[in-house]
Amino acid sequence: MKMKTFNIALVAHDHKKNALIDWAKYNLDMLKPHNLFATGTTGTLLETKLGITVNKMQSGPLGGDLQIGAMISEGKIDLLIFFWDPLEAQPHDPDIRALLRIAVVWNIPVACNRASADYIISSSLMSENYTRELPDYSDYNDRMNI
């Protein structure tokens, strides 16, 4: 049975970019079989420092977080690794909250630090044909007349 290829989004705030790069370097063999997506600056750094191919969105403050959120709502992202900085105010904080919210809405695994990213990437579910449960929002859509 062929292992599933996941679409993994990698995002990091400025003060966390080095931590994400270190994590990705440590887990490079685990990441290589998957399709990687990232916000602009983070994706460029990952490509440059690790020699991997990353599908790059806009920079986070220019809409990259929202682009990844849209991909999640369209079912195009399976996993979000988002090393965010809880100690630094971000000018695009509403976008960050929207990204995290939509990941929860669509039942996407989210790692916000190295420990949680390590748990997810090393999970046996990463090497199986795991299919996440999709929430059923038909009642909500019916109430909204969608």
N, C-alpha and C. Protein backbone atom coordinates (compact mmCIF):
# COMPACT_ATOMS: atom_id res chain seq x y z
N MET A 1 0.84 -1.18 0.00
CA MET A 1 0.00 0.00 0.00
C MET A 1 0.89 1.24 0.00
N LYS A 2 0.61 2.16 -0.92
CA LYS A 2 1.41 3.37 -1.05
C LYS A 2 1.03 4.36 0.06
N MET A 3 2.05 4.98 0.64
CA MET A 3 1.82 5.97 1.68
C MET A 3 1.19 7.22 1.07
N LYS A 4 0.26 7.81 1.78
CA LYS A 4 -0.39 9.03 1.32
C LYS A 4 0.61 10.18 1.36
N THR A 5 0.53 11.03 0.36
CA THR A 5 1.30 12.26 0.35
C THR A 5 0.41 13.36 0.92
N PHE A 6 0.88 14.01 1.97
CA PHE A 6 0.12 15.07 2.60
C PHE A 6 0.54 16.43 2.05
N ASN A 7 -0.38 17.36 2.09
CA ASN A 7 -0.09 18.76 1.79
C ASN A 7 0.11 19.47 3.12
N ILE A 8 1.34 19.89 3.38
CA ILE A 8 1.71 20.46 4.68
C ILE A 8 2.02 21.93 4.51
N ALA A 9 1.35 22.77 5.31
CA ALA A 9 1.62 24.21 5.31
C ALA A 9 2.59 24.52 6.45
N LEU A 10 3.62 25.30 6.11
CA LEU A 10 4.64 25.71 7.07
C LEU A 10 4.63 27.24 7.17
N VAL A 11 4.41 27.73 8.37
CA VAL A 11 4.31 29.18 8.60
C VAL A 11 5.11 29.50 9.85
N ALA A 12 5.79 30.64 9.85
CA ALA A 12 6.53 31.06 11.05
C ALA A 12 6.63 32.58 11.09
N HIS A 13 6.40 33.12 12.26
CA HIS A 13 6.63 34.55 12.46
C HIS A 13 8.14 34.83 12.46
N ASP A 14 8.49 36.09 12.29
CA ASP A 14 9.90 36.47 12.14
C ASP A 14 10.80 35.90 13.22
N HIS A 15 10.39 36.01 14.49
CA HIS A 15 11.24 35.54 15.59
C HIS A 15 11.21 34.02 15.76
N LYS A 16 10.42 33.34 14.94
CA LYS A 16 10.32 31.88 15.02
C LYS A 16 10.80 31.18 13.74
N LYS A 17 11.22 31.96 12.76
CA LYS A 17 11.64 31.37 11.48
C LYS A 17 12.84 30.43 11.66
N ASN A 18 13.83 30.83 12.44
CA ASN A 18 14.98 29.96 12.66
C ASN A 18 14.59 28.66 13.35
N ALA A 19 13.64 28.75 14.29
CA ALA A 19 13.17 27.54 14.97
C ALA A 19 12.48 26.60 13.98
N LEU A 20 11.68 27.16 13.08
CA LEU A 20 11.01 26.32 12.08
C LEU A 20 12.03 25.71 11.12
N ILE A 21 13.00 26.49 10.70
CA ILE A 21 14.03 25.97 9.80
C ILE A 21 14.82 24.85 10.48
N ASP A 22 15.19 25.04 11.75
CA ASP A 22 15.88 23.98 12.50
C ASP A 22 15.02 22.73 12.59
N TRP A 23 13.73 22.91 12.87
CA TRP A 23 12.81 21.77 12.97
C TRP A 23 12.71 21.06 11.62
N ALA A 24 12.54 21.83 10.54
CA ALA A 24 12.41 21.23 9.21
C ALA A 24 13.69 20.51 8.80
N LYS A 25 14.84 21.07 9.15
CA LYS A 25 16.11 20.42 8.84
C LYS A 25 16.21 19.08 9.58
N TYR A 26 15.84 19.08 10.85
CA TYR A 26 15.88 17.86 11.66
C TYR A 26 14.93 16.80 11.09
N ASN A 27 13.80 17.23 10.54
CA ASN A 27 12.76 16.33 10.03
C ASN A 27 12.71 16.27 8.51
N LEU A 28 13.79 16.65 7.86
CA LEU A 28 13.80 16.77 6.40
C LEU A 28 13.39 15.48 5.70
N ASP A 29 13.90 14.35 6.15
CA ASP A 29 13.54 13.08 5.52
C ASP A 29 12.05 12.78 5.64
N MET A 30 11.45 13.22 6.74
CA MET A 30 10.01 13.01 6.95
C MET A 30 9.19 13.96 6.08
N LEU A 31 9.73 15.14 5.78
CA LEU A 31 8.99 16.15 5.01
C LEU A 31 9.09 15.94 3.50
N LYS A 32 10.21 15.41 3.04
CA LYS A 32 10.48 15.31 1.60
C LYS A 32 9.39 14.62 0.78
N PRO A 33 8.74 13.56 1.28
CA PRO A 33 7.73 12.90 0.44
C PRO A 33 6.43 13.70 0.27
N HIS A 34 6.30 14.77 1.03
CA HIS A 34 5.04 15.51 1.06
C HIS A 34 5.14 16.80 0.23
N ASN A 35 3.98 17.36 -0.08
CA ASN A 35 3.91 18.65 -0.77
C ASN A 35 3.93 19.75 0.29
N LEU A 36 4.89 20.65 0.16
CA LEU A 36 5.07 21.69 1.17
C LEU A 36 4.58 23.03 0.62
N PHE A 37 3.88 23.75 1.48
CA PHE A 37 3.36 25.08 1.17
C PHE A 37 3.81 25.99 2.31
N ALA A 38 4.06 27.26 2.00
CA ALA A 38 4.49 28.18 3.05
C ALA A 38 4.15 29.61 2.65
N THR A 39 4.09 30.45 3.66
CA THR A 39 4.00 31.88 3.37
C THR A 39 5.33 32.29 2.75
N GLY A 40 5.35 33.42 2.05
CA GLY A 40 6.44 33.81 1.17
C GLY A 40 7.84 33.79 1.75
N THR A 41 8.07 34.57 2.79
CA THR A 41 9.42 34.67 3.35
C THR A 41 9.86 33.34 3.94
N THR A 42 8.97 32.69 4.67
CA THR A 42 9.30 31.40 5.28
C THR A 42 9.62 30.37 4.19
N GLY A 43 8.83 30.34 3.14
CA GLY A 43 9.07 29.40 2.05
C GLY A 43 10.40 29.63 1.36
N THR A 44 10.73 30.89 1.14
CA THR A 44 12.02 31.22 0.52
C THR A 44 13.18 30.79 1.40
N LEU A 45 13.08 31.02 2.69
CA LEU A 45 14.13 30.60 3.62
C LEU A 45 14.27 29.08 3.64
N LEU A 46 13.16 28.36 3.65
CA LEU A 46 13.21 26.90 3.66
C LEU A 46 13.87 26.38 2.38
N GLU A 47 13.51 26.94 1.25
CA GLU A 47 14.13 26.51 -0.01
C GLU A 47 15.63 26.80 -0.02
N THR A 48 16.00 28.00 0.41
CA THR A 48 17.41 28.41 0.38
C THR A 48 18.26 27.60 1.35
N LYS A 49 17.78 27.44 2.56
CA LYS A 49 18.60 26.80 3.61
C LYS A 49 18.57 25.29 3.55
N LEU A 50 17.47 24.71 3.02
CA LEU A 50 17.34 23.25 3.04
C LEU A 50 17.36 22.62 1.65
N GLY A 51 17.30 23.43 0.61
CA GLY A 51 17.35 22.89 -0.74
C GLY A 51 16.12 22.08 -1.11
N ILE A 52 14.96 22.45 -0.59
CA ILE A 52 13.73 21.74 -0.89
C ILE A 52 12.81 22.64 -1.70
N THR A 53 11.85 22.05 -2.35
CA THR A 53 10.87 22.81 -3.11
C THR A 53 9.67 23.11 -2.22
N VAL A 54 9.29 24.39 -2.20
CA VAL A 54 8.15 24.83 -1.40
C VAL A 54 7.24 25.67 -2.29
N ASN A 55 5.96 25.38 -2.25
CA ASN A 55 4.96 26.21 -2.94
C ASN A 55 4.73 27.44 -2.08
N LYS A 56 5.11 28.60 -2.59
CA LYS A 56 5.09 29.82 -1.78
C LYS A 56 3.86 30.67 -2.06
N MET A 57 3.26 31.14 -0.98
CA MET A 57 2.16 32.10 -1.04
C MET A 57 2.77 33.50 -0.88
N GLN A 58 1.92 34.48 -0.69
CA GLN A 58 2.38 35.82 -0.33
C GLN A 58 2.99 35.77 1.08
N SER A 59 3.72 36.78 1.44
CA SER A 59 4.18 36.93 2.81
C SER A 59 2.94 37.03 3.71
N GLY A 60 3.06 36.58 4.95
CA GLY A 60 1.91 36.59 5.86
C GLY A 60 1.19 37.92 5.95
N PRO A 61 1.89 39.02 6.24
CA PRO A 61 1.21 40.31 6.35
C PRO A 61 0.58 40.79 5.04
N LEU A 62 0.99 40.21 3.91
CA LEU A 62 0.44 40.59 2.61
C LEU A 62 -0.66 39.65 2.14
N GLY A 63 -1.09 38.74 3.01
CA GLY A 63 -2.21 37.86 2.68
C GLY A 63 -1.88 36.38 2.62
N GLY A 64 -0.62 36.00 2.87
CA GLY A 64 -0.24 34.60 2.80
C GLY A 64 -0.97 33.71 3.79
N ASP A 65 -1.19 34.22 5.00
CA ASP A 65 -1.94 33.45 5.99
C ASP A 65 -3.36 33.18 5.48
N LEU A 66 -3.96 34.19 4.87
CA LEU A 66 -5.32 34.04 4.34
C LEU A 66 -5.34 33.09 3.15
N GLN A 67 -4.29 33.11 2.32
CA GLN A 67 -4.23 32.17 1.20
C GLN A 67 -4.18 30.73 1.71
N ILE A 68 -3.38 30.48 2.73
CA ILE A 68 -3.31 29.13 3.29
C ILE A 68 -4.65 28.77 3.93
N GLY A 69 -5.28 29.73 4.62
CA GLY A 69 -6.60 29.48 5.19
C GLY A 69 -7.62 29.10 4.12
N ALA A 70 -7.56 29.78 2.98
CA ALA A 70 -8.47 29.45 1.88
C ALA A 70 -8.21 28.04 1.38
N MET A 71 -6.93 27.66 1.29
CA MET A 71 -6.60 26.31 0.84
C MET A 71 -7.13 25.26 1.82
N ILE A 72 -7.07 25.58 3.11
CA ILE A 72 -7.62 24.66 4.11
C ILE A 72 -9.12 24.50 3.89
N SER A 73 -9.83 25.60 3.70
CA SER A 73 -11.29 25.52 3.52
C SER A 73 -11.67 24.81 2.22
N GLU A 74 -10.76 24.79 1.25
CA GLU A 74 -10.99 24.08 -0.01
C GLU A 74 -10.53 22.62 0.05
N GLY A 75 -10.02 22.19 1.20
CA GLY A 75 -9.57 20.81 1.35
C GLY A 75 -8.21 20.54 0.74
N LYS A 76 -7.40 21.57 0.52
CA LYS A 76 -6.12 21.43 -0.15
C LYS A 76 -4.92 21.38 0.80
N ILE A 77 -5.14 21.53 2.10
CA ILE A 77 -4.08 21.44 3.10
C ILE A 77 -4.49 20.40 4.12
N ASP A 78 -3.57 19.50 4.46
CA ASP A 78 -3.85 18.42 5.41
C ASP A 78 -3.31 18.69 6.81
N LEU A 79 -2.31 19.54 6.91
CA LEU A 79 -1.59 19.72 8.17
C LEU A 79 -0.98 21.11 8.18
N LEU A 80 -1.08 21.79 9.33
CA LEU A 80 -0.53 23.13 9.48
C LEU A 80 0.51 23.13 10.59
N ILE A 81 1.74 23.49 10.23
CA ILE A 81 2.81 23.70 11.20
C ILE A 81 3.01 25.21 11.25
N PHE A 82 2.64 25.84 12.35
CA PHE A 82 2.65 27.29 12.45
C PHE A 82 3.38 27.71 13.72
N PHE A 83 4.65 28.03 13.58
CA PHE A 83 5.44 28.49 14.71
C PHE A 83 5.16 29.99 14.88
N TRP A 84 4.16 30.30 15.70
CA TRP A 84 3.80 31.70 15.89
C TRP A 84 4.43 32.23 17.16
N ASP A 85 4.58 33.51 17.22
CA ASP A 85 5.26 34.18 18.32
C ASP A 85 4.23 34.80 19.25
N PRO A 86 3.96 34.18 20.40
CA PRO A 86 2.94 34.70 21.31
C PRO A 86 3.39 35.94 22.09
N LEU A 87 4.67 36.29 22.00
CA LEU A 87 5.18 37.43 22.75
C LEU A 87 5.36 38.70 21.91
N GLU A 88 5.08 38.60 20.63
CA GLU A 88 5.28 39.72 19.73
C GLU A 88 3.96 40.09 19.06
N ALA A 89 3.56 41.34 19.17
CA ALA A 89 2.35 41.80 18.49
C ALA A 89 2.57 41.74 16.98
N GLN A 90 1.56 41.27 16.27
CA GLN A 90 1.65 41.14 14.82
C GLN A 90 0.63 42.08 14.17
N PRO A 91 1.04 42.83 13.15
CA PRO A 91 0.09 43.74 12.50
C PRO A 91 -1.05 43.01 11.81
N HIS A 92 -0.85 41.75 11.48
CA HIS A 92 -1.88 40.97 10.80
C HIS A 92 -2.50 39.92 11.72
N ASP A 93 -2.62 40.27 13.01
CA ASP A 93 -3.17 39.34 13.99
C ASP A 93 -4.56 38.81 13.61
N PRO A 94 -5.46 39.63 13.04
CA PRO A 94 -6.76 39.05 12.63
C PRO A 94 -6.60 37.94 11.60
N ASP A 95 -5.61 38.06 10.70
CA ASP A 95 -5.38 37.01 9.71
C ASP A 95 -4.88 35.73 10.37
N ILE A 96 -4.02 35.89 11.37
CA ILE A 96 -3.47 34.74 12.10
C ILE A 96 -4.59 34.01 12.83
N ARG A 97 -5.43 34.76 13.50
CA ARG A 97 -6.58 34.16 14.21
C ARG A 97 -7.50 33.45 13.22
N ALA A 98 -7.71 34.05 12.06
CA ALA A 98 -8.57 33.43 11.05
C ALA A 98 -7.97 32.13 10.55
N LEU A 99 -6.66 32.10 10.35
CA LEU A 99 -5.98 30.89 9.89
C LEU A 99 -6.13 29.77 10.93
N LEU A 100 -5.86 30.08 12.18
CA LEU A 100 -5.99 29.07 13.23
C LEU A 100 -7.44 28.61 13.38
N ARG A 101 -8.37 29.54 13.28
CA ARG A 101 -9.79 29.21 13.41
C ARG A 101 -10.21 28.27 12.29
N ILE A 102 -9.85 28.58 11.05
CA ILE A 102 -10.31 27.75 9.93
C ILE A 102 -9.67 26.37 9.97
N ALA A 103 -8.46 26.28 10.52
CA ALA A 103 -7.84 24.96 10.69
C ALA A 103 -8.65 24.09 11.65
N VAL A 104 -9.15 24.71 12.71
CA VAL A 104 -9.98 23.97 13.67
C VAL A 104 -11.33 23.64 13.04
N VAL A 105 -11.93 24.59 12.33
CA VAL A 105 -13.22 24.36 11.68
C VAL A 105 -13.17 23.13 10.78
N TRP A 106 -12.06 22.96 10.03
CA TRP A 106 -11.97 21.86 9.07
C TRP A 106 -11.15 20.69 9.58
N ASN A 107 -10.93 20.62 10.89
CA ASN A 107 -10.32 19.46 11.53
C ASN A 107 -8.92 19.17 10.99
N ILE A 108 -8.12 20.22 10.83
CA ILE A 108 -6.75 20.09 10.37
C ILE A 108 -5.83 20.01 11.58
N PRO A 109 -4.93 19.04 11.65
CA PRO A 109 -3.96 19.03 12.74
C PRO A 109 -3.09 20.29 12.67
N VAL A 110 -2.88 20.90 13.85
CA VAL A 110 -2.10 22.14 13.93
C VAL A 110 -1.02 21.97 15.00
N ALA A 111 0.19 22.35 14.64
CA ALA A 111 1.30 22.39 15.60
C ALA A 111 1.76 23.84 15.69
N CYS A 112 1.83 24.35 16.91
CA CYS A 112 2.21 25.76 17.10
C CYS A 112 3.58 25.92 17.73
N ASN A 113 4.26 24.82 18.00
CA ASN A 113 5.62 24.89 18.54
C ASN A 113 6.34 23.59 18.19
N ARG A 114 7.62 23.54 18.52
CA ARG A 114 8.42 22.38 18.12
C ARG A 114 7.92 21.09 18.76
N ALA A 115 7.53 21.14 20.01
CA ALA A 115 7.07 19.91 20.67
C ALA A 115 5.85 19.33 19.97
N SER A 116 4.85 20.17 19.69
CA SER A 116 3.65 19.64 19.03
C SER A 116 3.96 19.23 17.59
N ALA A 117 4.86 19.95 16.91
CA ALA A 117 5.25 19.56 15.55
C ALA A 117 5.97 18.21 15.56
N ASP A 118 6.82 17.98 16.57
CA ASP A 118 7.51 16.70 16.69
C ASP A 118 6.51 15.56 16.89
N TYR A 119 5.52 15.79 17.74
CA TYR A 119 4.50 14.75 17.97
C TYR A 119 3.75 14.42 16.69
N ILE A 120 3.37 15.44 15.94
CA ILE A 120 2.59 15.20 14.73
C ILE A 120 3.42 14.51 13.65
N ILE A 121 4.62 15.04 13.37
CA ILE A 121 5.42 14.50 12.27
C ILE A 121 5.89 13.08 12.56
N SER A 122 6.02 12.73 13.84
CA SER A 122 6.47 11.39 14.19
C SER A 122 5.30 10.42 14.45
N SER A 123 4.09 10.90 14.32
CA SER A 123 2.92 10.06 14.53
C SER A 123 2.87 8.93 13.51
N SER A 124 2.45 7.77 13.93
CA SER A 124 2.29 6.64 13.00
C SER A 124 1.26 6.97 11.92
N LEU A 125 0.37 7.92 12.18
CA LEU A 125 -0.64 8.29 11.20
C LEU A 125 -0.02 8.98 9.97
N MET A 126 1.19 9.50 10.12
CA MET A 126 1.87 10.13 8.99
C MET A 126 2.34 9.09 7.97
N SER A 127 2.49 7.85 8.40
CA SER A 127 2.98 6.83 7.49
C SER A 127 1.87 5.85 7.08
N GLU A 128 0.65 6.19 7.39
CA GLU A 128 -0.49 5.37 7.01
C GLU A 128 -1.33 6.13 6.00
N ASN A 129 -2.30 5.46 5.46
CA ASN A 129 -3.26 6.12 4.58
C ASN A 129 -4.37 6.74 5.43
N TYR A 130 -3.99 7.64 6.30
CA TYR A 130 -4.93 8.30 7.20
C TYR A 130 -5.80 9.29 6.43
N THR A 131 -7.09 9.21 6.67
CA THR A 131 -8.02 10.19 6.14
C THR A 131 -8.73 10.84 7.31
N ARG A 132 -8.54 12.14 7.43
CA ARG A 132 -9.16 12.83 8.56
C ARG A 132 -10.67 12.89 8.38
N GLU A 133 -11.37 12.94 9.49
CA GLU A 133 -12.82 13.05 9.45
C GLU A 133 -13.19 14.48 9.09
N LEU A 134 -14.02 14.61 8.08
CA LEU A 134 -14.48 15.93 7.67
C LEU A 134 -15.76 16.27 8.42
N PRO A 135 -15.81 17.45 9.00
CA PRO A 135 -17.04 17.85 9.71
C PRO A 135 -18.19 18.00 8.73
N ASP A 136 -19.38 17.73 9.21
CA ASP A 136 -20.59 17.90 8.40
C ASP A 136 -21.26 19.20 8.82
N TYR A 137 -21.20 20.16 7.94
CA TYR A 137 -21.79 21.47 8.23
C TYR A 137 -23.11 21.67 7.49
N SER A 138 -23.77 20.58 7.10
CA SER A 138 -25.03 20.72 6.37
C SER A 138 -26.10 21.40 7.21
N ASP A 139 -26.17 21.12 8.52
CA ASP A 139 -27.16 21.81 9.37
C ASP A 139 -26.90 23.30 9.40
N TYR A 140 -25.65 23.67 9.51
CA TYR A 140 -25.29 25.09 9.51
C TYR A 140 -25.66 25.72 8.17
N ASN A 141 -25.31 25.04 7.08
CA ASN A 141 -25.62 25.58 5.75
C ASN A 141 -27.12 25.69 5.55
N ASP A 142 -27.88 24.72 6.06
CA ASP A 142 -29.35 24.79 5.95
C ASP A 142 -29.90 25.99 6.71
N ARG A 143 -29.38 26.24 7.91
CA ARG A 143 -29.83 27.39 8.70
C ARG A 143 -29.51 28.70 8.00
N MET A 144 -28.40 28.73 7.27
CA MET A 144 -27.97 29.94 6.59
C MET A 144 -28.54 30.03 5.17
N ASN A 145 -29.34 29.01 4.79
CA ASN A 145 -29.91 28.92 3.45
C ASN A 145 -28.85 28.91 2.37
N ILE A 146 -27.79 28.14 2.61
CA ILE A 146 -26.70 28.03 1.62
C ILE A 146 -26.93 26.81 0.76
